[in-house]
């Protein structure tokens, strides 16, 4: 049986991938914030570079592994998605 056995030497997916058992097999996919096939690779998606973040137009966007952080500039207040 081929499945998502999580033993270190037999996990069929990329090391950070998610795995789901199916009838007689399995599927692998990368977690949110990553892209790739889930089987051989999952690499960080740079939402800042791609412009897929939701930071305010005056905020800075910092890519972090699997996500990003928005930060308002000095003199502004807010969570980075809204700066006033």
N, C-alpha and C. Protein backbone atom coordinates (compact mmCIF):
# COMPACT_ATOMS: atom_id res chain seq x y z
N UNK A 1 0.85 -1.19 0.00
CA UNK A 1 0.00 0.00 0.00
C UNK A 1 0.89 1.24 0.00
N UNK A 2 0.61 2.16 -0.90
CA UNK A 2 1.31 3.43 -0.94
C UNK A 2 0.47 4.45 -0.19
N UNK A 3 1.05 5.05 0.85
CA UNK A 3 0.29 6.04 1.60
C UNK A 3 1.21 7.09 2.19
N UNK A 4 0.65 7.95 2.98
CA UNK A 4 1.38 9.07 3.59
C UNK A 4 2.03 8.65 4.90
N UNK A 5 2.76 7.57 4.88
CA UNK A 5 3.48 7.13 6.06
C UNK A 5 4.49 8.21 6.43
N UNK A 6 4.42 8.73 7.64
CA UNK A 6 5.28 9.83 8.03
C UNK A 6 6.61 9.40 8.64
N UNK A 7 7.04 8.18 8.38
CA UNK A 7 8.36 7.76 8.83
C UNK A 7 9.40 8.57 8.08
N UNK A 8 10.47 8.98 8.74
CA UNK A 8 11.46 9.85 8.10
C UNK A 8 12.00 9.33 6.77
N UNK A 9 12.16 8.04 6.64
CA UNK A 9 12.75 7.49 5.42
C UNK A 9 11.73 7.11 4.36
N UNK A 10 10.44 7.25 4.67
CA UNK A 10 9.46 6.78 3.69
C UNK A 10 8.38 7.81 3.35
N UNK A 11 8.49 9.04 3.85
CA UNK A 11 7.50 10.07 3.51
C UNK A 11 7.61 10.36 2.02
N UNK A 12 6.55 10.19 1.25
CA UNK A 12 6.64 10.26 -0.21
C UNK A 12 6.68 11.67 -0.79
N UNK A 13 6.41 12.67 0.02
CA UNK A 13 6.32 14.05 -0.48
C UNK A 13 7.55 14.85 -0.10
N UNK A 14 7.63 16.07 -0.63
CA UNK A 14 8.68 17.00 -0.22
C UNK A 14 8.59 17.20 1.29
N UNK A 15 9.67 17.50 1.94
CA UNK A 15 9.72 17.53 3.41
C UNK A 15 8.75 18.50 4.06
N UNK A 16 8.36 19.61 3.38
CA UNK A 16 7.40 20.53 3.99
C UNK A 16 6.00 20.39 3.39
N UNK A 17 5.83 19.46 2.47
CA UNK A 17 4.53 19.29 1.82
C UNK A 17 3.50 18.67 2.74
N UNK A 18 2.27 18.84 2.35
CA UNK A 18 1.15 18.17 3.00
C UNK A 18 0.80 16.95 2.16
N UNK A 19 0.29 15.93 2.80
CA UNK A 19 0.00 14.68 2.11
C UNK A 19 -1.38 14.19 2.52
N UNK A 20 -2.11 13.65 1.57
CA UNK A 20 -3.43 13.10 1.85
C UNK A 20 -3.54 11.74 1.18
N UNK A 21 -3.98 10.76 1.95
CA UNK A 21 -4.18 9.43 1.39
C UNK A 21 -5.40 9.42 0.49
N UNK A 22 -5.28 8.72 -0.61
CA UNK A 22 -6.40 8.48 -1.51
C UNK A 22 -6.55 6.97 -1.64
N UNK A 23 -7.53 6.51 -2.34
CA UNK A 23 -7.72 5.07 -2.50
C UNK A 23 -6.54 4.51 -3.30
N UNK A 24 -5.71 3.74 -2.64
CA UNK A 24 -4.58 3.09 -3.29
C UNK A 24 -3.40 3.98 -3.60
N UNK A 25 -3.42 5.23 -3.18
CA UNK A 25 -2.32 6.13 -3.50
C UNK A 25 -2.30 7.30 -2.51
N UNK A 26 -1.79 8.43 -2.94
CA UNK A 26 -1.70 9.63 -2.11
C UNK A 26 -1.53 10.84 -3.02
N UNK A 27 -1.77 12.02 -2.48
CA UNK A 27 -1.48 13.26 -3.21
C UNK A 27 -0.68 14.17 -2.28
N UNK A 28 0.22 14.92 -2.86
CA UNK A 28 1.06 15.86 -2.11
C UNK A 28 0.81 17.26 -2.64
N UNK A 29 0.85 18.25 -1.75
CA UNK A 29 0.75 19.64 -2.20
C UNK A 29 1.51 20.51 -1.22
N UNK A 30 1.92 21.66 -1.72
CA UNK A 30 2.66 22.62 -0.90
C UNK A 30 1.70 23.41 -0.03
N UNK A 31 2.12 23.77 1.18
CA UNK A 31 1.26 24.57 2.04
C UNK A 31 1.09 26.00 1.51
N UNK A 32 0.13 26.72 2.05
CA UNK A 32 -0.10 28.11 1.65
C UNK A 32 1.19 28.90 1.84
N UNK A 33 1.48 29.78 0.90
CA UNK A 33 2.69 30.58 0.95
C UNK A 33 3.87 29.95 0.24
N UNK A 34 3.66 28.76 -0.31
CA UNK A 34 4.71 28.06 -1.04
C UNK A 34 4.15 27.63 -2.39
N UNK A 35 5.05 27.41 -3.36
CA UNK A 35 4.61 26.88 -4.64
C UNK A 35 5.54 25.75 -5.06
N UNK A 36 5.03 24.89 -5.91
CA UNK A 36 5.78 23.74 -6.38
C UNK A 36 4.83 22.57 -6.56
N UNK A 37 5.39 21.44 -6.91
CA UNK A 37 4.53 20.28 -7.18
C UNK A 37 4.17 19.49 -5.93
N UNK A 38 4.82 19.77 -4.81
CA UNK A 38 4.53 19.06 -3.57
C UNK A 38 5.24 17.73 -3.45
N UNK A 39 5.68 17.20 -4.54
CA UNK A 39 6.38 15.91 -4.52
C UNK A 39 7.89 16.10 -4.43
N UNK A 40 8.42 16.94 -5.30
CA UNK A 40 9.86 17.15 -5.35
C UNK A 40 10.31 18.51 -4.83
N UNK A 41 9.40 19.48 -4.83
CA UNK A 41 9.81 20.80 -4.38
C UNK A 41 8.63 21.62 -3.87
N UNK A 42 8.93 22.45 -2.92
CA UNK A 42 8.04 23.50 -2.43
C UNK A 42 8.96 24.67 -2.09
N UNK A 43 8.79 25.78 -2.77
CA UNK A 43 9.61 26.94 -2.48
C UNK A 43 8.74 28.11 -2.08
N UNK A 44 9.31 28.97 -1.29
CA UNK A 44 8.60 30.12 -0.77
C UNK A 44 8.09 31.00 -1.91
N UNK A 45 6.85 31.44 -1.78
CA UNK A 45 6.28 32.41 -2.71
C UNK A 45 6.60 33.79 -2.16
N UNK A 46 7.23 34.64 -2.96
CA UNK A 46 7.55 36.00 -2.53
C UNK A 46 6.39 36.91 -2.91
N UNK A 47 5.42 37.02 -2.01
CA UNK A 47 4.23 37.83 -2.26
C UNK A 47 4.59 39.30 -2.48
N UNK A 48 5.65 39.77 -1.84
CA UNK A 48 6.07 41.17 -2.00
C UNK A 48 6.55 41.41 -3.43
N UNK A 49 7.38 40.53 -3.93
CA UNK A 49 7.90 40.66 -5.29
C UNK A 49 6.79 40.51 -6.32
N UNK A 50 5.87 39.59 -6.08
CA UNK A 50 4.79 39.33 -7.03
C UNK A 50 3.66 40.35 -6.94
N UNK A 51 3.62 41.12 -5.85
CA UNK A 51 2.54 42.09 -5.67
C UNK A 51 1.23 41.46 -5.25
N UNK A 52 1.29 40.27 -4.67
CA UNK A 52 0.07 39.57 -4.26
C UNK A 52 -0.23 39.75 -2.77
N UNK A 53 0.47 40.67 -2.13
CA UNK A 53 0.25 40.97 -0.71
C UNK A 53 -0.92 41.95 -0.57
N UNK A 54 -1.33 42.20 0.66
CA UNK A 54 -2.40 43.17 0.89
C UNK A 54 -1.91 44.32 1.76
N UNK A 55 -0.64 44.68 1.63
CA UNK A 55 -0.09 45.80 2.38
C UNK A 55 -0.64 47.11 1.82
N UNK A 56 -0.75 48.10 2.71
CA UNK A 56 -1.17 49.44 2.28
C UNK A 56 -0.14 49.99 1.29
N UNK A 57 -0.57 50.91 0.44
CA UNK A 57 0.33 51.43 -0.59
C UNK A 57 1.55 52.13 0.00
N UNK A 58 1.43 52.72 1.19
CA UNK A 58 2.57 53.40 1.81
C UNK A 58 3.40 52.46 2.68
N UNK A 59 2.91 51.27 2.93
CA UNK A 59 3.59 50.32 3.81
C UNK A 59 4.71 49.58 3.08
N UNK A 60 5.65 49.08 3.86
CA UNK A 60 6.68 48.21 3.29
C UNK A 60 6.23 46.76 3.45
N UNK A 61 6.64 45.96 2.51
CA UNK A 61 6.31 44.53 2.52
C UNK A 61 7.62 43.76 2.70
N UNK A 62 7.66 42.89 3.68
CA UNK A 62 8.83 42.05 3.92
C UNK A 62 8.44 40.59 3.77
N UNK A 63 9.09 39.92 2.83
CA UNK A 63 8.82 38.50 2.64
C UNK A 63 9.44 37.70 3.78
N UNK A 64 8.68 36.77 4.33
CA UNK A 64 9.20 35.81 5.29
C UNK A 64 8.80 34.42 4.80
N UNK A 65 9.42 33.41 5.31
CA UNK A 65 9.17 32.05 4.84
C UNK A 65 7.69 31.69 4.98
N UNK A 66 7.03 31.48 3.86
CA UNK A 66 5.63 31.06 3.85
C UNK A 66 4.62 32.18 3.97
N UNK A 67 5.08 33.42 4.10
CA UNK A 67 4.14 34.53 4.27
C UNK A 67 4.85 35.86 4.01
N UNK A 68 4.34 36.92 4.59
CA UNK A 68 4.94 38.25 4.48
C UNK A 68 4.46 39.10 5.64
N UNK A 69 5.16 40.21 5.86
CA UNK A 69 4.82 41.15 6.92
C UNK A 69 4.68 42.53 6.30
N UNK A 70 3.61 43.24 6.66
CA UNK A 70 3.40 44.63 6.24
C UNK A 70 3.75 45.54 7.41
N UNK A 71 4.44 46.64 7.12
CA UNK A 71 4.80 47.56 8.19
C UNK A 71 4.61 48.99 7.71
N UNK A 72 3.88 49.76 8.51
CA UNK A 72 3.67 51.17 8.20
C UNK A 72 4.98 51.95 8.39
N UNK A 73 5.21 52.97 7.57
CA UNK A 73 6.42 53.78 7.73
C UNK A 73 6.35 54.65 8.98
N UNK A 74 7.49 55.19 9.39
CA UNK A 74 7.53 56.10 10.54
C UNK A 74 6.56 57.25 10.31
N UNK A 75 5.85 57.61 11.36
CA UNK A 75 4.88 58.69 11.28
C UNK A 75 3.48 58.21 10.96
N UNK A 76 3.34 56.94 10.61
CA UNK A 76 2.03 56.34 10.33
C UNK A 76 1.73 55.32 11.41
N UNK A 77 0.46 55.07 11.60
CA UNK A 77 0.02 54.07 12.56
C UNK A 77 -0.88 53.06 11.84
N UNK A 78 -0.86 51.83 12.28
CA UNK A 78 -1.71 50.80 11.71
C UNK A 78 -1.00 49.47 11.67
N UNK A 79 -1.69 48.49 11.12
CA UNK A 79 -1.16 47.12 11.09
C UNK A 79 -0.40 46.80 9.81
N UNK A 80 -0.23 47.77 8.95
CA UNK A 80 0.48 47.55 7.69
C UNK A 80 -0.46 47.34 6.53
N UNK A 81 -1.64 46.81 6.80
CA UNK A 81 -2.63 46.71 5.73
C UNK A 81 -3.43 48.00 5.65
N UNK A 82 -3.42 48.74 6.76
CA UNK A 82 -3.99 50.09 6.82
C UNK A 82 -3.02 50.96 7.59
N UNK A 83 -2.65 52.07 7.00
CA UNK A 83 -1.73 53.01 7.65
C UNK A 83 -2.35 54.40 7.61
N UNK A 84 -2.45 55.03 8.77
CA UNK A 84 -3.01 56.39 8.84
C UNK A 84 -2.06 57.31 9.58
